[in-house]
C-alpha atoms as a PDB file:
ATOM      1  CA  MET A   1      43.770  -8.173 -57.898  1.00  0.00           C
ATOM      2  CA  LYS A   2      43.178  -4.473 -58.620  1.00  0.00           C
ATOM      3  CA  LYS A   3      44.603  -4.844 -62.153  1.00  0.00           C
ATOM      4  CA  LEU A   4      42.326  -7.821 -62.792  1.00  0.00           C
ATOM      5  CA  THR A   5      39.286  -5.869 -61.589  1.00  0.00           C
ATOM      6  CA  LEU A   6      40.189  -2.899 -63.821  1.00  0.00           C
ATOM      7  CA  LEU A   7      40.708  -5.209 -66.811  1.00  0.00           C
ATOM      8  CA  LEU A   8      37.350  -6.886 -66.227  1.00  0.00           C
ATOM      9  CA  LEU A   9      35.657  -3.496 -65.760  1.00  0.00           C
ATOM     10  CA  GLY A  10      37.020  -2.428 -69.130  1.00  0.00           C
ATOM     11  CA  MET A  11      35.739  -5.632 -70.719  1.00  0.00           C
ATOM     12  CA  ILE A  12      32.269  -5.084 -69.277  1.00  0.00           C
ATOM     13  CA  GLY A  13      32.228  -1.510 -70.631  1.00  0.00           C
ATOM     14  CA  LEU A  14      32.711  -2.859 -74.156  1.00  0.00           C
ATOM     15  CA  PHE A  15      29.659  -5.090 -74.067  1.00  0.00           C
ATOM     16  CA  GLY A  16      26.712  -3.810 -76.080  1.00  0.00           C
ATOM     17  CA  SER A  17      24.196  -6.638 -75.986  1.00  0.00           C
ATOM     18  CA  LYS A  18      23.003  -9.550 -73.906  1.00  0.00           C
ATOM     19  CA  GLY A  19      24.685 -11.944 -76.332  1.00  0.00           C
ATOM     20  CA  THR A  20      28.053 -10.303 -75.812  1.00  0.00           C
ATOM     21  CA  ALA A  21      27.705 -10.152 -72.028  1.00  0.00           C
ATOM     22  CA  ALA A  22      26.875 -13.854 -71.957  1.00  0.00           C
ATOM     23  CA  ARG A  23      30.351 -14.544 -73.429  1.00  0.00           C
ATOM     24  CA  LEU A  24      32.172 -13.624 -70.200  1.00  0.00           C
ATOM     25  CA  ASP A  25      34.388 -16.509 -69.231  1.00  0.00           C
ATOM     26  CA  PRO A  26      33.135 -18.464 -66.210  1.00  0.00           C
ATOM     27  CA  GLU A  27      35.912 -17.216 -63.911  1.00  0.00           C
ATOM     28  CA  SER A  28      35.201 -13.520 -64.645  1.00  0.00           C
ATOM     29  CA  HIS A  29      31.472 -14.057 -64.273  1.00  0.00           C
ATOM     30  CA  ALA A  30      31.973 -15.859 -60.953  1.00  0.00           C
ATOM     31  CA  LEU A  31      34.331 -13.140 -59.703  1.00  0.00           C
ATOM     32  CA  LEU A  32      32.085 -10.179 -60.522  1.00  0.00           C
ATOM     33  CA  SER A  33      28.536 -11.594 -60.425  1.00  0.00           C
ATOM     34  CA  ASP A  34      26.468 -10.370 -57.473  1.00  0.00           C
ATOM     35  CA  PRO A  35      22.739 -10.976 -58.108  1.00  0.00           C
ATOM     36  CA  GLY A  36      21.894 -10.249 -54.458  1.00  0.00           C
ATOM     37  CA  TYR A  37      23.117  -6.676 -54.922  1.00  0.00           C
ATOM     38  CA  SER A  38      19.882  -5.934 -56.819  1.00  0.00           C
ATOM     39  CA  LYS A  39      18.305  -4.967 -53.489  1.00  0.00           C
ATOM     40  CA  HIS A  40      20.602  -1.904 -53.564  1.00  0.00           C
ATOM     41  CA  VAL A  41      19.646  -0.857 -57.106  1.00  0.00           C
ATOM     42  CA  GLU A  42      16.418   1.089 -57.438  1.00  0.00           C
ATOM     43  CA  VAL A  43      14.748   0.313 -60.788  1.00  0.00           C
ATOM     44  CA  GLN A  44      11.841   2.279 -62.243  1.00  0.00           C
ATOM     45  CA  CYS A  45      10.289   1.416 -65.624  1.00  0.00           C
ATOM     46  CA  TYR A  46       7.796   3.640 -67.453  1.00  0.00           C
ATOM     47  CA  LEU A  47       6.063   3.944 -70.786  1.00  0.00           C
ATOM     48  CA  VAL A  48       6.190   7.631 -71.656  1.00  0.00           C
ATOM     49  CA  THR A  49       5.367  10.014 -74.467  1.00  0.00           C
ATOM     50  CA  ARG A  50       7.869  12.304 -76.172  1.00  0.00           C
ATOM     51  CA  GLU A  51       6.473  15.234 -74.144  1.00  0.00           C
ATOM     52  CA  GLN A  52       7.093  13.422 -70.850  1.00  0.00           C
ATOM     53  CA  LEU A  53      10.579  12.441 -71.983  1.00  0.00           C
ATOM     54  CA  THR A  54      11.431  16.042 -72.782  1.00  0.00           C
ATOM     55  CA  LYS A  55      10.453  17.084 -69.255  1.00  0.00           C
ATOM     56  CA  VAL A  56      12.517  14.307 -67.681  1.00  0.00           C
ATOM     57  CA  PHE A  57      15.691  15.303 -69.520  1.00  0.00           C
ATOM     58  CA  ALA A  58      15.120  19.027 -69.079  1.00  0.00           C
ATOM     59  CA  ASN A  59      15.186  18.637 -65.274  1.00  0.00           C
ATOM     60  CA  GLU A  60      17.568  16.122 -63.686  1.00  0.00           C
ATOM     61  CA  ASN A  61      15.756  13.592 -61.475  1.00  0.00           C
ATOM     62  CA  GLU A  62      12.374  14.887 -62.666  1.00  0.00           C
ATOM     63  CA  PRO A  63       9.676  12.634 -61.162  1.00  0.00           C
ATOM     64  CA  VAL A  64       7.803  10.618 -63.777  1.00  0.00           C
ATOM     65  CA  VAL A  65       4.074  10.012 -63.589  1.00  0.00           C
ATOM     66  CA  GLN A  66       3.003   6.826 -65.351  1.00  0.00           C
ATOM     67  CA  ARG A  67      -0.054   7.572 -67.498  1.00  0.00           C
ATOM     68  CA  THR A  68      -2.869   5.059 -67.920  1.00  0.00           C
ATOM     69  CA  ASN A  69      -3.297   2.782 -70.925  1.00  0.00           C
ATOM     70  CA  LYS A  70      -6.113   5.032 -72.146  1.00  0.00           C
ATOM     71  CA  ASP A  71      -3.816   8.094 -72.115  1.00  0.00           C
ATOM     72  CA  LEU A  72      -1.074   6.207 -73.979  1.00  0.00           C
ATOM     73  CA  TYR A  73      -3.283   4.402 -76.513  1.00  0.00           C
ATOM     74  CA  HIS A  74      -2.266   5.060 -80.156  1.00  0.00           C
ATOM     75  CA  GLN A  75       0.696   7.279 -79.240  1.00  0.00           C
ATOM     76  CA  ASP A  76       4.385   6.958 -80.014  1.00  0.00           C
ATOM     77  CA  LEU A  77       5.858   5.564 -76.824  1.00  0.00           C
ATOM     78  CA  PHE A  78       9.265   5.211 -75.245  1.00  0.00           C
ATOM     79  CA  LEU A  79      10.402   2.754 -72.609  1.00  0.00           C
ATOM     80  CA  LEU A  80      12.168   4.783 -69.920  1.00  0.00           C
ATOM     81  CA  VAL A  81      14.262   2.763 -67.484  1.00  0.00           C
ATOM     82  CA  ARG A  82      15.770   4.576 -64.514  1.00  0.00           C
ATOM     83  CA  CYS A  83      18.299   2.896 -62.218  1.00  0.00           C
ATOM     84  CA  ARG A  84      19.923   4.339 -59.130  1.00  0.00           C
ATOM     85  CA  ASN A  85      22.640   2.599 -57.116  1.00  0.00           C
ATOM     86  CA  ARG A  86      22.052   2.960 -53.380  1.00  0.00           C
ATOM     87  CA  GLY A  87      24.750   0.469 -52.386  1.00  0.00           C
ATOM     88  CA  GLU A  88      28.458   0.692 -51.619  1.00  0.00           C
ATOM     89  CA  TYR A  89      29.928  -0.705 -54.848  1.00  0.00           C
ATOM     90  CA  VAL A  90      30.118   0.300 -58.506  1.00  0.00           C
ATOM     91  CA  ALA A  91      27.519  -1.803 -60.344  1.00  0.00           C
ATOM     92  CA  ALA A  92      26.806  -2.754 -63.960  1.00  0.00           C
ATOM     93  CA  GLY A  93      24.797  -5.400 -65.741  1.00  0.00           C
ATOM     94  CA  THR A  94      22.013  -6.354 -68.100  1.00  0.00           C
ATOM     95  CA  LEU A  95      18.427  -5.605 -67.129  1.00  0.00           C
ATOM     96  CA  ASN A  96      15.723  -7.335 -69.170  1.00  0.00           C
ATOM     97  CA  CYS A  97      12.473  -5.354 -69.538  1.00  0.00           C
ATOM     98  CA  CYS A  98       9.177  -6.507 -71.031  1.00  0.00           C
ATOM     99  CA  PRO A  99       6.641  -3.766 -71.838  1.00  0.00           C
ATOM    100  CA  PRO A 100       2.972  -4.741 -72.209  1.00  0.00           C
ATOM    101  CA  SER A 101       2.040  -6.293 -75.572  1.00  0.00           C
ATOM    102  CA  PHE A 102       5.662  -7.434 -76.103  1.00  0.00           C
ATOM    103  CA  GLY A 103       6.265 -11.155 -76.287  1.00  0.00           C
ATOM    104  CA  SER A 104       9.855 -11.005 -75.134  1.00  0.00           C
ATOM    105  CA  PHE A 105      12.257  -9.073 -72.949  1.00  0.00           C
ATOM    106  CA  ILE A 106      14.376  -6.186 -74.221  1.00  0.00           C
ATOM    107  CA  PRO A 107      17.949  -6.358 -72.856  1.00  0.00           C
ATOM    108  CA  ILE A 108      19.230  -3.046 -71.511  1.00  0.00           C
ATOM    109  CA  GLU A 109      22.896  -2.607 -70.679  1.00  0.00           C
ATOM    110  CA  VAL A 110      23.296  -0.618 -67.468  1.00  0.00           C
ATOM    111  CA  VAL A 111      26.897   0.536 -67.265  1.00  0.00           C
ATOM    112  CA  ARG A 112      28.940   1.848 -64.365  1.00  0.00           C
ATOM    113  CA  MET A 113      26.438   3.017 -61.762  1.00  0.00           C
ATOM    114  CA  GLN A 114      28.392   4.876 -59.103  1.00  0.00           C
ATOM    115  CA  PRO A 115      27.770   3.881 -55.466  1.00  0.00           C
ATOM    116  CA  MET A 116      25.490   5.895 -53.192  1.00  0.00           C
ATOM    117  CA  ASN A 117      24.319   7.925 -56.180  1.00  0.00           C
ATOM    118  CA  ALA A 118      21.525  10.491 -55.971  1.00  0.00           C
ATOM    119  CA  THR A 119      21.031  10.681 -59.747  1.00  0.00           C
ATOM    120  CA  TYR A 120      19.498   8.129 -62.077  1.00  0.00           C
ATOM    121  CA  HIS A 121      21.151   6.174 -64.855  1.00  0.00           C
ATOM    122  CA  ASP A 122      18.499   6.647 -67.563  1.00  0.00           C
ATOM    123  CA  CYS A 123      17.972   4.527 -70.656  1.00  0.00           C
ATOM    124  CA  VAL A 124      15.365   5.220 -73.333  1.00  0.00           C
ATOM    125  CA  ILE A 125      14.168   2.926 -76.107  1.00  0.00           C
ATOM    126  CA  TYR A 126      11.603   3.877 -78.738  1.00  0.00           C
ATOM    127  CA  ILE A 127       8.929   1.159 -78.871  1.00  0.00           C
ATOM    128  CA  GLY A 128       6.180   2.708 -81.028  1.00  0.00           C
ATOM    129  CA  SER A 129       2.505   2.090 -80.222  1.00  0.00           C
ATOM    130  CA  ALA A 130       2.948  -0.655 -77.661  1.00  0.00           C
ATOM    131  CA  ILE A 131      -0.398  -0.263 -75.894  1.00  0.00           C
ATOM    132  CA  GLY A 132      -2.953  -2.513 -77.551  1.00  0.00           C
ATOM    133  CA  PHE A 133      -5.858  -1.682 -75.238  1.00  0.00           C
ATOM    134  CA  SER A 134      -7.532   1.401 -73.843  1.00  0.00           C
ATOM    135  CA  ASN A 135      -8.486   1.198 -70.172  1.00  0.00           C
ATOM    136  CA  ASP A 136      -7.843   3.035 -66.921  1.00  0.00           C
ATOM    137  CA  GLU A 137      -5.121   0.653 -65.763  1.00  0.00           C
ATOM    138  CA  LEU A 138      -1.428   1.480 -65.611  1.00  0.00           C
ATOM    139  CA  PRO A 139       0.848  -0.393 -68.021  1.00  0.00           C
ATOM    140  CA  LYS A 140       2.603  -3.321 -66.356  1.00  0.00           C
ATOM    141  CA  ILE A 141       6.291  -3.485 -67.244  1.00  0.00           C
ATOM    142  CA  LYS A 142       8.124  -6.594 -66.091  1.00  0.00           C
ATOM    143  CA  TYR A 143      11.854  -6.504 -65.465  1.00  0.00           C
ATOM    144  CA  GLU A 144      14.550  -8.842 -64.178  1.00  0.00           C
ATOM    145  CA  TRP A 145      18.309  -8.721 -63.923  1.00  0.00           C
ATOM    146  CA  ASP A 146      19.984 -11.082 -66.373  1.00  0.00           C
ATOM    147  CA  CYS A 147      23.350 -10.378 -64.794  1.00  0.00           C
ATOM    148  CA  LEU A 148      24.464  -7.862 -62.196  1.00  0.00           C
ATOM    149  CA  TYR A 149      28.118  -7.217 -61.449  1.00  0.00           C
ATOM    150  CA  THR A 150      29.773  -5.248 -58.645  1.00  0.00           C
ATOM    151  CA  MET A 151      33.297  -3.876 -58.463  1.00  0.00           C
END
């Protein structure tokens, strides 16, 4: 069983897109899939500027303050997704995120989050000027797990 788990872990590490991850055979998916584990994975999604991104990566676990739509209007923006595994198992999967003004979800591969981890698994995607309105509201970023696996 341990060899099978290690083989499947290696296969998951090779996946680079939602389309590839969807090609897991049904037995492997059934063996590793654990959608209920999402309650143990802290997910934070932000739209940030290059300046904010620099601060985040200069200081590990730097808190991020989400700026309002007005502050982000007509700026180059990045989608910052931070995940932290608070559970007992190694976790990996595909998280779909939908920034405001996007018509579809962006699949983000989250690989090998160690259990009981104090640090974030960070992913950054450049999305350009994604804010199409200027108001005092915070951008609403939707997210959902497409697949979540535990080992």
